[in-house]
Amino acid sequence: MEASSLQALVQFPYLFKSPRGKKNECPMNTGARKLHGKVPSLTDTRVPRRFFLQFMGYNHMVSYVYPVIAAPVQEMKETEAIRTQKLANGVRFQDVVKGEGPEAHEGDLVEVNYVCRRSNGYFVHSTVDQFSGESMPVLLPLDENQIIKGLKDVVVGMRVGGKRRALIPPSVGYINENLKPIPDEFGPRRSLFSHAKEPLVFEVQLLKVH
């Protein structure tokens, strides 16, 4: 701040000189009277705003911080987390799309497409090809002895055409390697079971109820 003031003093010395002559007389007013019409620049001189503000102790950072502080707080919108449903077994799910077809009940045989990811977003397996977009739906019995319980609880209550996104904890996930859905290929199957002890994210779309 002192350096900025000093810079202003060097560039505009007449602004800061001590008055000469009479003690109560302003040098600028005197100069204006004597040189009026002869040296118009003396009475018309403009101090660059930047130096003036720096000299007055203005910090340019305030121009960035102040609008943020002064801005009115906007009303928060309802987030996705608020609309998430949580089941007693720890499963959390959201209705991404609500279907309008027949409803799936426990014990039904359903046809679904799904994408399975780790909780950090890394892809594990899907019935939909990531590149071509072609799908190979699977048939799943809504029986916790045949499919992972967490996924069964997510699909029960869905209607055909609907889509849900769910976070399934390992306690109701792949507690053994015989539970569906299981990829047919060795690589994806191995990848799936290597993450069986961590939460998994399923996006499932209900296509048919048989």
N, C-alpha and C. Protein backbone atom coordinates (compact mmCIF):
# COMPACT_ATOMS: atom_id res chain seq x y z
N MET A 1 0.84 -1.20 0.00
CA MET A 1 0.00 0.00 0.00
C MET A 1 0.87 1.24 0.00
N GLU A 2 1.97 1.23 0.79
CA GLU A 2 2.86 2.36 0.83
C GLU A 2 3.52 2.58 -0.52
N ALA A 3 3.86 1.48 -1.20
CA ALA A 3 4.49 1.58 -2.51
C ALA A 3 3.55 2.22 -3.51
N SER A 4 2.25 1.87 -3.45
CA SER A 4 1.27 2.43 -4.36
C SER A 4 1.10 3.92 -4.12
N SER A 5 1.09 4.34 -2.85
CA SER A 5 0.95 5.75 -2.51
C SER A 5 2.16 6.52 -2.98
N LEU A 6 3.34 5.92 -2.81
CA LEU A 6 4.57 6.56 -3.24
C LEU A 6 4.59 6.73 -4.74
N GLN A 7 4.12 5.74 -5.47
CA GLN A 7 4.05 5.83 -6.92
C GLN A 7 3.14 6.96 -7.35
N ALA A 8 2.01 7.12 -6.68
CA ALA A 8 1.11 8.22 -6.99
C ALA A 8 1.76 9.56 -6.69
N LEU A 9 2.54 9.63 -5.62
CA LEU A 9 3.20 10.88 -5.24
C LEU A 9 4.22 11.29 -6.28
N VAL A 10 4.96 10.33 -6.83
CA VAL A 10 5.97 10.61 -7.84
C VAL A 10 5.32 11.10 -9.13
N GLN A 11 4.21 10.46 -9.53
CA GLN A 11 3.59 10.80 -10.80
C GLN A 11 2.76 12.08 -10.72
N PHE A 12 2.23 12.40 -9.54
CA PHE A 12 1.38 13.58 -9.38
C PHE A 12 1.85 14.40 -8.18
N PRO A 13 3.06 14.97 -8.24
CA PRO A 13 3.62 15.66 -7.07
C PRO A 13 2.80 16.86 -6.64
N TYR A 14 2.15 17.54 -7.60
CA TYR A 14 1.43 18.76 -7.23
C TYR A 14 0.24 18.48 -6.35
N LEU A 15 -0.20 17.24 -6.28
CA LEU A 15 -1.34 16.93 -5.43
C LEU A 15 -0.96 16.91 -3.95
N PHE A 16 0.34 16.71 -3.68
CA PHE A 16 0.74 16.45 -2.29
C PHE A 16 1.75 17.47 -1.77
N LYS A 17 2.08 18.54 -2.54
CA LYS A 17 3.03 19.54 -2.06
C LYS A 17 2.39 20.39 -0.97
N SER A 18 3.23 20.83 -0.08
CA SER A 18 2.75 21.72 0.98
C SER A 18 2.46 23.07 0.38
N PRO A 19 1.41 23.74 0.82
CA PRO A 19 1.07 25.07 0.28
C PRO A 19 2.11 26.10 0.65
N ARG A 20 2.32 27.04 -0.23
CA ARG A 20 3.25 28.13 0.01
C ARG A 20 2.45 29.43 0.16
N GLY A 21 3.12 30.38 0.73
CA GLY A 21 2.45 31.67 0.89
C GLY A 21 1.61 31.66 2.13
N LYS A 22 0.36 32.09 1.98
CA LYS A 22 -0.54 32.16 3.13
C LYS A 22 -0.87 30.78 3.64
N LYS A 23 -0.97 30.67 4.95
CA LYS A 23 -1.19 29.39 5.58
C LYS A 23 -2.53 28.78 5.22
N ASN A 24 -3.59 29.60 5.15
CA ASN A 24 -4.93 29.09 4.93
C ASN A 24 -5.33 29.09 3.46
N GLU A 25 -4.38 29.38 2.59
CA GLU A 25 -4.74 29.49 1.18
C GLU A 25 -4.48 28.17 0.47
N CYS A 26 -5.38 27.72 -0.30
CA CYS A 26 -5.24 26.45 -1.03
C CYS A 26 -4.44 26.71 -2.29
N PRO A 27 -3.32 26.02 -2.52
CA PRO A 27 -2.47 26.26 -3.69
C PRO A 27 -3.21 26.00 -4.98
N MET A 28 -4.10 25.06 -5.01
CA MET A 28 -4.81 24.75 -6.24
C MET A 28 -5.73 25.90 -6.62
N ASN A 29 -6.43 26.50 -5.62
CA ASN A 29 -7.31 27.61 -5.91
C ASN A 29 -6.53 28.82 -6.38
N THR A 30 -5.37 29.05 -5.75
CA THR A 30 -4.53 30.18 -6.14
C THR A 30 -4.05 30.01 -7.57
N GLY A 31 -3.58 28.78 -7.85
CA GLY A 31 -3.08 28.52 -9.20
C GLY A 31 -4.18 28.65 -10.22
N ALA A 32 -5.35 28.25 -9.85
CA ALA A 32 -6.48 28.33 -10.78
C ALA A 32 -6.82 29.77 -11.11
N ARG A 33 -6.72 30.64 -10.07
CA ARG A 33 -7.05 32.05 -10.31
C ARG A 33 -6.00 32.71 -11.18
N LYS A 34 -4.71 32.40 -10.92
CA LYS A 34 -3.63 33.05 -11.66
C LYS A 34 -3.53 32.57 -13.09
N LEU A 35 -3.78 31.25 -13.28
CA LEU A 35 -3.54 30.66 -14.60
C LEU A 35 -4.83 30.32 -15.33
N HIS A 36 -5.94 30.81 -14.86
CA HIS A 36 -7.22 30.51 -15.48
C HIS A 36 -7.22 30.96 -16.94
N GLY A 37 -7.49 30.07 -17.84
CA GLY A 37 -7.52 30.37 -19.26
C GLY A 37 -6.17 30.22 -19.93
N LYS A 38 -5.06 30.14 -19.12
CA LYS A 38 -3.73 30.00 -19.71
C LYS A 38 -3.27 28.56 -19.69
N VAL A 39 -3.47 27.91 -18.59
CA VAL A 39 -3.06 26.51 -18.47
C VAL A 39 -4.28 25.71 -18.05
N PRO A 40 -5.18 25.41 -18.97
CA PRO A 40 -6.42 24.73 -18.60
C PRO A 40 -6.19 23.33 -18.05
N SER A 41 -5.08 22.73 -18.40
CA SER A 41 -4.83 21.36 -17.93
C SER A 41 -4.64 21.32 -16.43
N LEU A 42 -4.20 22.46 -15.83
CA LEU A 42 -3.96 22.48 -14.40
C LEU A 42 -5.26 22.36 -13.61
N THR A 43 -6.31 22.98 -14.10
CA THR A 43 -7.59 22.92 -13.41
C THR A 43 -8.42 21.73 -13.87
N ASP A 44 -8.03 21.09 -14.96
CA ASP A 44 -8.79 20.00 -15.55
C ASP A 44 -8.15 18.64 -15.33
N THR A 45 -7.04 18.62 -14.60
CA THR A 45 -6.28 17.38 -14.46
C THR A 45 -7.12 16.31 -13.78
N ARG A 46 -7.08 15.12 -14.32
CA ARG A 46 -7.80 13.99 -13.74
C ARG A 46 -6.79 12.98 -13.19
N VAL A 47 -6.98 12.61 -11.94
CA VAL A 47 -6.12 11.59 -11.34
C VAL A 47 -6.64 10.23 -11.74
N PRO A 48 -5.79 9.37 -12.28
CA PRO A 48 -6.26 8.03 -12.63
C PRO A 48 -6.93 7.36 -11.45
N ARG A 49 -8.08 6.79 -11.71
CA ARG A 49 -8.90 6.20 -10.65
C ARG A 49 -8.14 5.13 -9.86
N ARG A 50 -7.29 4.40 -10.56
CA ARG A 50 -6.56 3.32 -9.88
C ARG A 50 -5.67 3.86 -8.78
N PHE A 51 -4.95 4.97 -9.06
CA PHE A 51 -4.06 5.53 -8.05
C PHE A 51 -4.84 6.15 -6.91
N PHE A 52 -5.94 6.80 -7.26
CA PHE A 52 -6.76 7.41 -6.22
C PHE A 52 -7.29 6.37 -5.25
N LEU A 53 -7.79 5.26 -5.78
CA LEU A 53 -8.35 4.21 -4.93
C LEU A 53 -7.28 3.56 -4.09
N GLN A 54 -6.09 3.36 -4.70
CA GLN A 54 -5.00 2.76 -3.93
C GLN A 54 -4.56 3.68 -2.80
N PHE A 55 -4.50 4.99 -3.11
CA PHE A 55 -4.09 5.95 -2.10
C PHE A 55 -5.08 6.01 -0.95
N MET A 56 -6.35 5.85 -1.26
CA MET A 56 -7.38 5.91 -0.23
C MET A 56 -7.47 4.62 0.56
N GLY A 57 -6.62 3.66 0.25
CA GLY A 57 -6.63 2.42 1.01
C GLY A 57 -7.54 1.36 0.44
N TYR A 58 -7.97 1.52 -0.80
CA TYR A 58 -8.87 0.56 -1.44
C TYR A 58 -8.09 -0.66 -1.89
N ASN A 59 -8.59 -1.80 -1.56
CA ASN A 59 -7.97 -3.05 -2.00
C ASN A 59 -8.76 -3.59 -3.17
N HIS A 60 -8.10 -3.82 -4.31
CA HIS A 60 -8.83 -4.27 -5.49
C HIS A 60 -9.50 -5.62 -5.31
N MET A 61 -9.03 -6.41 -4.33
CA MET A 61 -9.65 -7.71 -4.10
C MET A 61 -11.08 -7.57 -3.59
N VAL A 62 -11.38 -6.40 -2.98
CA VAL A 62 -12.73 -6.20 -2.47
C VAL A 62 -13.75 -6.25 -3.59
N SER A 63 -13.33 -5.81 -4.78
CA SER A 63 -14.27 -5.81 -5.90
C SER A 63 -14.68 -7.21 -6.30
N TYR A 64 -13.86 -8.18 -5.93
CA TYR A 64 -14.22 -9.57 -6.22
C TYR A 64 -14.98 -10.20 -5.08
N VAL A 65 -14.59 -9.86 -3.84
CA VAL A 65 -15.19 -10.50 -2.67
C VAL A 65 -16.53 -9.89 -2.33
N TYR A 66 -16.62 -8.55 -2.41
CA TYR A 66 -17.82 -7.88 -1.93
C TYR A 66 -19.10 -8.30 -2.63
N PRO A 67 -19.10 -8.42 -3.99
CA PRO A 67 -20.36 -8.84 -4.61
C PRO A 67 -20.84 -10.19 -4.13
N VAL A 68 -19.90 -11.07 -3.80
CA VAL A 68 -20.29 -12.39 -3.30
C VAL A 68 -20.91 -12.29 -1.93
N ILE A 69 -20.29 -11.42 -1.10
CA ILE A 69 -20.79 -11.27 0.26
C ILE A 69 -22.15 -10.56 0.24
N ALA A 70 -22.27 -9.58 -0.64
CA ALA A 70 -23.48 -8.77 -0.64
C ALA A 70 -24.63 -9.41 -1.38
N ALA A 71 -24.33 -10.38 -2.25
CA ALA A 71 -25.38 -10.99 -3.06
C ALA A 71 -26.40 -11.69 -2.17
N PRO A 72 -27.68 -11.56 -2.47
CA PRO A 72 -28.70 -12.25 -1.66
C PRO A 72 -28.58 -13.75 -1.79
N VAL A 73 -28.84 -14.45 -0.72
CA VAL A 73 -28.77 -15.91 -0.72
C VAL A 73 -29.95 -16.45 -1.50
N GLN A 74 -29.64 -17.26 -2.53
CA GLN A 74 -30.71 -17.82 -3.33
C GLN A 74 -31.35 -19.00 -2.62
N GLU A 75 -32.60 -19.19 -2.87
CA GLU A 75 -33.33 -20.30 -2.27
C GLU A 75 -32.82 -21.61 -2.83
N MET A 76 -32.49 -22.54 -1.97
CA MET A 76 -31.94 -23.82 -2.42
C MET A 76 -33.04 -24.68 -3.01
N LYS A 77 -32.71 -25.31 -4.13
CA LYS A 77 -33.66 -26.20 -4.77
C LYS A 77 -33.54 -27.59 -4.16
N GLU A 78 -34.60 -28.33 -4.28
CA GLU A 78 -34.61 -29.70 -3.77
C GLU A 78 -33.61 -30.53 -4.57
N THR A 79 -32.76 -31.26 -3.88
CA THR A 79 -31.73 -32.04 -4.54
C THR A 79 -32.20 -33.46 -4.76
N GLU A 80 -31.39 -34.16 -5.56
CA GLU A 80 -31.72 -35.56 -5.83
C GLU A 80 -31.67 -36.38 -4.54
N ALA A 81 -30.76 -36.04 -3.63
CA ALA A 81 -30.60 -36.81 -2.41
C ALA A 81 -31.88 -36.78 -1.57
N ILE A 82 -32.61 -35.67 -1.60
CA ILE A 82 -33.84 -35.56 -0.81
C ILE A 82 -34.90 -36.53 -1.33
N ARG A 83 -34.89 -36.77 -2.65
CA ARG A 83 -35.90 -37.64 -3.24
C ARG A 83 -35.47 -39.11 -3.24
N THR A 84 -34.31 -39.40 -2.70
CA THR A 84 -33.84 -40.78 -2.63
C THR A 84 -34.59 -41.54 -1.53
N GLN A 85 -35.01 -42.73 -1.87
CA GLN A 85 -35.69 -43.58 -0.89
C GLN A 85 -34.69 -44.57 -0.29
N LYS A 86 -34.79 -44.78 0.98
CA LYS A 86 -33.88 -45.70 1.67
C LYS A 86 -34.69 -46.84 2.28
N LEU A 87 -34.27 -48.06 1.98
CA LEU A 87 -34.93 -49.24 2.53
C LEU A 87 -34.27 -49.64 3.84
N ALA A 88 -34.94 -50.48 4.59
CA ALA A 88 -34.44 -50.90 5.91
C ALA A 88 -33.11 -51.65 5.81
N ASN A 89 -32.87 -52.32 4.67
CA ASN A 89 -31.63 -53.09 4.52
C ASN A 89 -30.46 -52.25 4.03
N GLY A 90 -30.66 -50.94 3.91
CA GLY A 90 -29.56 -50.05 3.52
C GLY A 90 -29.56 -49.67 2.05
N VAL A 91 -30.40 -50.27 1.25
CA VAL A 91 -30.47 -49.96 -0.18
C VAL A 91 -31.08 -48.56 -0.35
N ARG A 92 -30.46 -47.77 -1.21
CA ARG A 92 -30.99 -46.46 -1.58
C ARG A 92 -31.29 -46.46 -3.06
N PHE A 93 -32.43 -45.89 -3.45
CA PHE A 93 -32.73 -45.86 -4.88
C PHE A 93 -33.53 -44.62 -5.24
N GLN A 94 -33.46 -44.30 -6.52
CA GLN A 94 -34.20 -43.17 -7.08
C GLN A 94 -34.98 -43.65 -8.29
N ASP A 95 -36.16 -43.10 -8.47
CA ASP A 95 -36.93 -43.34 -9.70
C ASP A 95 -36.47 -42.33 -10.74
N VAL A 96 -35.64 -42.80 -11.68
CA VAL A 96 -35.17 -41.93 -12.75
C VAL A 96 -36.30 -41.70 -13.74
N VAL A 97 -36.98 -42.78 -14.10
CA VAL A 97 -38.15 -42.73 -14.97
C VAL A 97 -39.23 -43.60 -14.34
N LYS A 98 -40.42 -43.07 -14.21
CA LYS A 98 -41.52 -43.87 -13.68
C LYS A 98 -42.27 -44.53 -14.83
N GLY A 99 -42.36 -45.86 -14.78
CA GLY A 99 -43.05 -46.59 -15.83
C GLY A 99 -44.56 -46.51 -15.70
N GLU A 100 -45.22 -46.89 -16.76
CA GLU A 100 -46.69 -46.86 -16.78
C GLU A 100 -47.28 -48.22 -17.09
N GLY A 101 -46.43 -49.24 -17.23
CA GLY A 101 -46.91 -50.57 -17.57
C GLY A 101 -47.23 -51.39 -16.33
N PRO A 102 -47.33 -52.72 -16.50
CA PRO A 102 -47.62 -53.63 -15.38
C PRO A 102 -46.54 -53.53 -14.30
N GLU A 103 -46.97 -53.73 -13.07
CA GLU A 103 -46.06 -53.64 -11.93
C GLU A 103 -45.42 -54.99 -11.63
N ALA A 104 -44.15 -54.95 -11.24
CA ALA A 104 -43.42 -56.18 -10.88
C ALA A 104 -43.64 -56.50 -9.41
N HIS A 105 -43.93 -57.78 -9.13
CA HIS A 105 -44.13 -58.23 -7.76
C HIS A 105 -43.13 -59.33 -7.42
N GLU A 106 -42.95 -59.53 -6.14
CA GLU A 106 -42.03 -60.58 -5.70
C GLU A 106 -42.49 -61.92 -6.24
N GLY A 107 -41.53 -62.71 -6.79
CA GLY A 107 -41.83 -64.00 -7.39
C GLY A 107 -42.02 -63.94 -8.90
N ASP A 108 -42.19 -62.72 -9.47
CA ASP A 108 -42.34 -62.60 -10.92
C ASP A 108 -41.02 -62.85 -11.64
N LEU A 109 -41.14 -63.19 -12.92
CA LEU A 109 -39.99 -63.29 -13.80
C LEU A 109 -39.98 -62.02 -14.65
N VAL A 110 -38.89 -61.28 -14.57
CA VAL A 110 -38.85 -59.99 -15.26
C VAL A 110 -37.70 -59.95 -16.26
N GLU A 111 -37.88 -59.12 -17.26
CA GLU A 111 -36.84 -58.89 -18.26
C GLU A 111 -36.32 -57.47 -18.07
N VAL A 112 -35.00 -57.35 -17.90
CA VAL A 112 -34.42 -56.04 -17.59
C VAL A 112 -33.14 -55.79 -18.38
N ASN A 113 -32.83 -54.53 -18.52
CA ASN A 113 -31.49 -54.07 -18.89
C ASN A 113 -30.89 -53.41 -17.67
N TYR A 114 -29.59 -53.53 -17.50
CA TYR A 114 -28.96 -52.89 -16.34
C TYR A 114 -27.53 -52.49 -16.65
N VAL A 115 -27.06 -51.55 -15.87
CA VAL A 115 -25.65 -51.14 -15.87
C VAL A 115 -25.19 -51.22 -14.43
N CYS A 116 -24.05 -51.85 -14.23
CA CYS A 116 -23.49 -51.97 -12.88
C CYS A 116 -22.17 -51.19 -12.83
N ARG A 117 -22.05 -50.33 -11.82
CA ARG A 117 -20.83 -49.55 -11.62
C ARG A 117 -20.41 -49.62 -10.16
N ARG A 118 -19.14 -49.32 -9.95
CA ARG A 118 -18.67 -49.15 -8.57
C ARG A 118 -19.20 -47.82 -8.05
N SER A 119 -19.14 -47.62 -6.75
CA SER A 119 -19.68 -46.40 -6.16
C SER A 119 -18.91 -45.16 -6.58
N ASN A 120 -17.67 -45.34 -7.07
CA ASN A 120 -16.90 -44.20 -7.55
C ASN A 120 -17.15 -43.92 -9.04
N GLY A 121 -18.08 -44.67 -9.65
CA GLY A 121 -18.45 -44.42 -11.03
C GLY A 121 -17.80 -45.32 -12.05
N TYR A 122 -16.82 -46.12 -11.66
CA TYR A 122 -16.13 -46.99 -12.61
C TYR A 122 -17.05 -48.10 -13.09
N PHE A 123 -17.04 -48.31 -14.39
CA PHE A 123 -17.89 -49.31 -15.02
C PHE A 123 -17.47 -50.72 -14.63
N VAL A 124 -18.46 -51.59 -14.38
CA VAL A 124 -18.20 -53.00 -14.08
C VAL A 124 -18.80 -53.89 -15.16
N HIS A 125 -20.12 -53.77 -15.37
CA HIS A 125 -20.77 -54.62 -16.36
C HIS A 125 -22.11 -54.01 -16.77
N SER A 126 -22.56 -54.40 -17.98
CA SER A 126 -23.84 -53.89 -18.47
C SER A 126 -24.41 -54.84 -19.51
N THR A 127 -25.73 -54.83 -19.62
CA THR A 127 -26.37 -55.58 -20.70
C THR A 127 -26.46 -54.75 -21.97
N VAL A 128 -26.05 -53.50 -21.89
CA VAL A 128 -26.05 -52.60 -23.04
C VAL A 128 -24.62 -52.32 -23.45
N ASP A 129 -24.29 -52.59 -24.71
CA ASP A 129 -22.94 -52.35 -25.21
C ASP A 129 -22.62 -50.85 -25.17
N GLN A 130 -21.48 -50.52 -24.59
CA GLN A 130 -21.13 -49.11 -24.42
C GLN A 130 -20.85 -48.41 -25.74
N PHE A 131 -20.46 -49.17 -26.77
CA PHE A 131 -20.07 -48.57 -28.03
C PHE A 131 -21.18 -48.63 -29.08
N SER A 132 -21.77 -49.80 -29.25
CA SER A 132 -22.80 -49.94 -30.29
C SER A 132 -24.19 -49.57 -29.79
N GLY A 133 -24.39 -49.64 -28.47
CA GLY A 133 -25.71 -49.34 -27.92
C GLY A 133 -26.66 -50.53 -27.97
N GLU A 134 -26.19 -51.65 -28.52
CA GLU A 134 -27.04 -52.85 -28.58
C GLU A 134 -27.21 -53.44 -27.19
N SER A 135 -28.40 -53.96 -26.94
CA SER A 135 -28.68 -54.51 -25.61
C SER A 135 -28.97 -56.00 -25.69
N MET A 136 -28.64 -56.66 -24.60
CA MET A 136 -28.94 -58.08 -24.44
C MET A 136 -29.63 -58.25 -23.09
N PRO A 137 -30.93 -57.97 -23.02
CA PRO A 137 -31.66 -58.05 -21.76
C PRO A 137 -31.55 -59.43 -21.11
N VAL A 138 -31.67 -59.44 -19.80
CA VAL A 138 -31.61 -60.70 -19.05
C VAL A 138 -32.93 -60.94 -18.35
N LEU A 139 -33.22 -62.23 -18.13
CA LEU A 139 -34.41 -62.63 -17.36
C LEU A 139 -33.99 -62.88 -15.92
N LEU A 140 -34.69 -62.26 -15.00
CA LEU A 140 -34.37 -62.41 -13.59
C LEU A 140 -35.62 -62.78 -12.80
N PRO A 141 -35.53 -63.84 -12.00
CA PRO A 141 -36.65 -64.16 -11.10
C PRO A 141 -36.54 -63.28 -9.85
N LEU A 142 -37.63 -62.68 -9.45
CA LEU A 142 -37.60 -61.82 -8.27
C LEU A 142 -37.68 -62.67 -7.01
N ASP A 143 -36.59 -63.39 -6.82
CA ASP A 143 -36.45 -64.33 -5.70
C ASP A 143 -35.06 -64.13 -5.12
N GLU A 144 -34.98 -63.75 -3.86
CA GLU A 144 -33.68 -63.44 -3.26
C GLU A 144 -32.77 -64.65 -3.14
N ASN A 145 -33.28 -65.83 -3.37
CA ASN A 145 -32.42 -67.01 -3.39
C ASN A 145 -31.74 -67.20 -4.74
N GLN A 146 -32.19 -66.41 -5.74
CA GLN A 146 -31.63 -66.55 -7.08
C GLN A 146 -30.94 -65.28 -7.59
N ILE A 147 -31.37 -64.14 -7.10
CA ILE A 147 -30.69 -62.90 -7.47
C ILE A 147 -30.30 -62.16 -6.20
N ILE A 148 -29.40 -61.19 -6.36
CA ILE A 148 -28.98 -60.46 -5.17
C ILE A 148 -30.19 -59.74 -4.57
N LYS A 149 -30.30 -59.81 -3.26
CA LYS A 149 -31.49 -59.31 -2.56
C LYS A 149 -31.69 -57.81 -2.80
N GLY A 150 -30.60 -57.06 -2.81
CA GLY A 150 -30.72 -55.62 -3.00
C GLY A 150 -31.36 -55.27 -4.33
N LEU A 151 -30.99 -55.97 -5.39
CA LEU A 151 -31.58 -55.69 -6.70
C LEU A 151 -33.03 -56.15 -6.76
N LYS A 152 -33.31 -57.26 -6.12
CA LYS A 152 -34.70 -57.73 -6.08
C LYS A 152 -35.61 -56.70 -5.42
N ASP A 153 -35.13 -56.12 -4.30
CA ASP A 153 -35.92 -55.13 -3.59
C ASP A 153 -36.11 -53.86 -4.41
N VAL A 154 -35.16 -53.57 -5.27
CA VAL A 154 -35.26 -52.38 -6.12
C VAL A 154 -36.29 -52.59 -7.23
N VAL A 155 -36.30 -53.77 -7.84
CA VAL A 155 -37.17 -54.03 -8.98
C VAL A 155 -38.62 -54.22 -8.55
N VAL A 156 -38.83 -54.84 -7.39
CA VAL A 156 -40.21 -55.02 -6.90
C VAL A 156 -40.86 -53.65 -6.71
N GLY A 157 -42.01 -53.48 -7.32
CA GLY A 157 -42.71 -52.20 -7.24
C GLY A 157 -42.51 -51.33 -8.47
N MET A 158 -41.54 -51.68 -9.31
CA MET A 158 -41.36 -50.93 -10.56
C MET A 158 -42.46 -51.29 -11.55
N ARG A 159 -42.72 -50.39 -12.48
CA ARG A 159 -43.63 -50.66 -13.58
C ARG A 159 -42.86 -50.70 -14.89
N VAL A 160 -43.36 -51.48 -15.82
CA VAL A 160 -42.69 -51.63 -17.11
C VAL A 160 -42.49 -50.26 -17.75
N GLY A 161 -41.28 -50.06 -18.25
CA GLY A 161 -40.91 -48.76 -18.81
C GLY A 161 -40.17 -47.88 -17.84
N GLY A 162 -40.19 -48.28 -16.57
CA GLY A 162 -39.52 -47.49 -15.54
C GLY A 162 -38.03 -47.78 -15.45
N LYS A 163 -37.33 -46.85 -14.83
CA LYS A 163 -35.89 -46.99 -14.63
C LYS A 163 -35.55 -46.48 -13.24
N ARG A 164 -34.74 -47.27 -12.53
CA ARG A 164 -34.29 -46.86 -11.20
C ARG A 164 -32.77 -46.93 -11.10
N ARG A 165 -32.25 -46.04 -10.28
CA ARG A 165 -30.82 -46.05 -9.96
C ARG A 165 -30.70 -46.37 -8.47
N ALA A 166 -29.85 -47.35 -8.15
CA ALA A 166 -29.78 -47.81 -6.76
C ALA A 166 -28.35 -48.01 -6.30
N LEU A 167 -28.14 -47.74 -5.03
CA LEU A 167 -26.87 -48.04 -4.38
C LEU A 167 -27.12 -49.23 -3.47
N ILE A 168 -26.42 -50.33 -3.78
CA ILE A 168 -26.67 -51.60 -3.08
C ILE A 168 -25.45 -51.95 -2.22
N PRO A 169 -25.63 -52.00 -0.91
CA PRO A 169 -24.49 -52.35 -0.03
C PRO A 169 -24.14 -53.83 -0.18
N PRO A 170 -22.90 -54.19 0.13
CA PRO A 170 -22.46 -55.58 -0.05
C PRO A 170 -23.22 -56.60 0.77
N SER A 171 -23.83 -56.17 1.87
CA SER A 171 -24.57 -57.11 2.73
C SER A 171 -25.80 -57.68 2.03
N VAL A 172 -26.32 -56.99 1.02
CA VAL A 172 -27.46 -57.49 0.25
C VAL A 172 -27.09 -57.56 -1.23
N GLY A 173 -25.78 -57.72 -1.46
CA GLY A 173 -25.27 -57.82 -2.83
C GLY A 173 -24.85 -59.24 -3.14
N TYR A 174 -23.65 -59.37 -3.70
CA TYR A 174 -23.13 -60.69 -4.11
C TYR A 174 -22.51 -61.41 -2.92
N ILE A 175 -23.38 -61.92 -2.05
CA ILE A 175 -22.88 -62.64 -0.86
C ILE A 175 -22.40 -64.03 -1.23
N ASN A 176 -22.78 -64.51 -2.42
CA ASN A 176 -22.17 -65.72 -2.97
C ASN A 176 -22.16 -65.60 -4.49
N GLU A 177 -21.36 -66.41 -5.13
CA GLU A 177 -21.12 -66.26 -6.56
C GLU A 177 -22.18 -66.92 -7.44
N ASN A 178 -23.24 -67.43 -6.83
CA ASN A 178 -24.30 -68.07 -7.61
C ASN A 178 -25.49 -67.15 -7.85
N LEU A 179 -25.45 -65.97 -7.24
CA LEU A 179 -26.57 -65.05 -7.36
C LEU A 179 -26.48 -64.24 -8.65
N LYS A 180 -27.62 -64.08 -9.30
CA LYS A 180 -27.67 -63.31 -10.53
C LYS A 180 -27.89 -61.83 -10.18
N PRO A 181 -27.61 -60.95 -11.15
CA PRO A 181 -27.12 -61.20 -12.50
C PRO A 181 -25.60 -61.37 -12.53
N ILE A 182 -25.16 -62.33 -13.35
CA ILE A 182 -23.74 -62.62 -13.49
C ILE A 182 -23.38 -62.56 -14.97
N PRO A 183 -22.34 -61.83 -15.33
CA PRO A 183 -21.92 -61.78 -16.74
C PRO A 183 -21.49 -63.16 -17.23
N ASP A 184 -21.73 -63.43 -18.49
CA ASP A 184 -21.32 -64.71 -19.07
C ASP A 184 -19.82 -64.77 -19.32
N GLU A 185 -19.24 -63.62 -19.69
CA GLU A 185 -17.82 -63.59 -20.02
C GLU A 185 -16.95 -63.66 -18.76
N PHE A 186 -15.80 -64.31 -18.90
CA PHE A 186 -14.92 -64.50 -17.75
C PHE A 186 -14.40 -63.17 -17.21
N GLY A 187 -13.93 -62.29 -18.11
CA GLY A 187 -13.35 -61.02 -17.67
C GLY A 187 -14.31 -60.18 -16.86
N PRO A 188 -15.50 -59.86 -17.39
CA PRO A 188 -16.46 -59.08 -16.62
C PRO A 188 -16.90 -59.76 -15.32
N ARG A 189 -17.01 -61.10 -15.38
CA ARG A 189 -17.42 -61.83 -14.17
C ARG A 189 -16.35 -61.71 -13.09
N ARG A 190 -15.11 -61.83 -13.51
CA ARG A 190 -14.00 -61.70 -12.56
C ARG A 190 -13.95 -60.29 -11.97
N SER A 191 -14.17 -59.29 -12.84
CA SER A 191 -14.18 -57.90 -12.38
C SER A 191 -15.31 -57.67 -11.38
N LEU A 192 -16.47 -58.25 -11.66
CA LEU A 192 -17.62 -58.07 -10.78
C LEU A 192 -17.35 -58.64 -9.40
N PHE A 193 -16.85 -59.85 -9.35
CA PHE A 193 -16.63 -60.49 -8.05
C PHE A 193 -15.45 -59.87 -7.29
N SER A 194 -14.55 -59.22 -8.00
CA SER A 194 -13.44 -58.56 -7.31
C SER A 194 -13.92 -57.32 -6.54
N HIS A 195 -15.12 -56.83 -6.89
CA HIS A 195 -15.69 -55.66 -6.20
C HIS A 195 -16.94 -56.03 -5.41
N ALA A 196 -17.12 -57.32 -5.16
CA ALA A 196 -18.34 -57.78 -4.49
C ALA A 196 -18.45 -57.32 -3.04
N LYS A 197 -17.34 -56.93 -2.44
CA LYS A 197 -17.36 -56.54 -1.03
C LYS A 197 -17.47 -55.02 -0.85
N GLU A 198 -17.86 -54.33 -1.89
CA GLU A 198 -18.04 -52.89 -1.79
C GLU A 198 -19.41 -52.53 -2.36
N PRO A 199 -19.94 -51.37 -2.02
CA PRO A 199 -21.25 -50.97 -2.57
C PRO A 199 -21.19 -50.88 -4.09
N LEU A 200 -22.28 -51.28 -4.72
CA LEU A 200 -22.37 -51.22 -6.18
C LEU A 200 -23.59 -50.39 -6.58
N VAL A 201 -23.44 -49.68 -7.69
CA VAL A 201 -24.53 -48.87 -8.22
C VAL A 201 -25.14 -49.57 -9.41
N PHE A 202 -26.44 -49.79 -9.35
CA PHE A 202 -27.16 -50.42 -10.47
C PHE A 202 -28.14 -49.41 -11.04
N GLU A 203 -28.13 -49.32 -12.37
CA GLU A 203 -29.21 -48.62 -13.08
C GLU A 203 -29.97 -49.71 -13.83
N VAL A 204 -31.22 -49.89 -13.49
CA VAL A 204 -32.00 -50.98 -14.05
C VAL A 204 -33.26 -50.45 -14.72
N GLN A 205 -33.54 -51.00 -15.89
CA GLN A 205 -34.73 -50.62 -16.64
C GLN A 205 -35.61 -51.86 -16.81
N LEU A 206 -36.86 -51.74 -16.39
CA LEU A 206 -37.79 -52.86 -16.49
C LEU A 206 -38.45 -52.87 -17.86
N LEU A 207 -38.24 -53.98 -18.58
CA LEU A 207 -38.76 -54.09 -19.95
C LEU A 207 -40.06 -54.89 -20.03
N LYS A 208 -40.09 -56.01 -19.27
CA LYS A 208 -41.28 -56.88 -19.31
C LYS A 208 -41.47 -57.57 -17.97
N VAL A 209 -42.73 -57.89 -17.71
CA VAL A 209 -43.07 -58.76 -16.57
C VAL A 209 -43.75 -59.99 -17.17
N HIS A 210 -43.14 -61.16 -16.99
CA HIS A 210 -43.67 -62.39 -17.58
C HIS A 210 -44.64 -63.07 -16.59
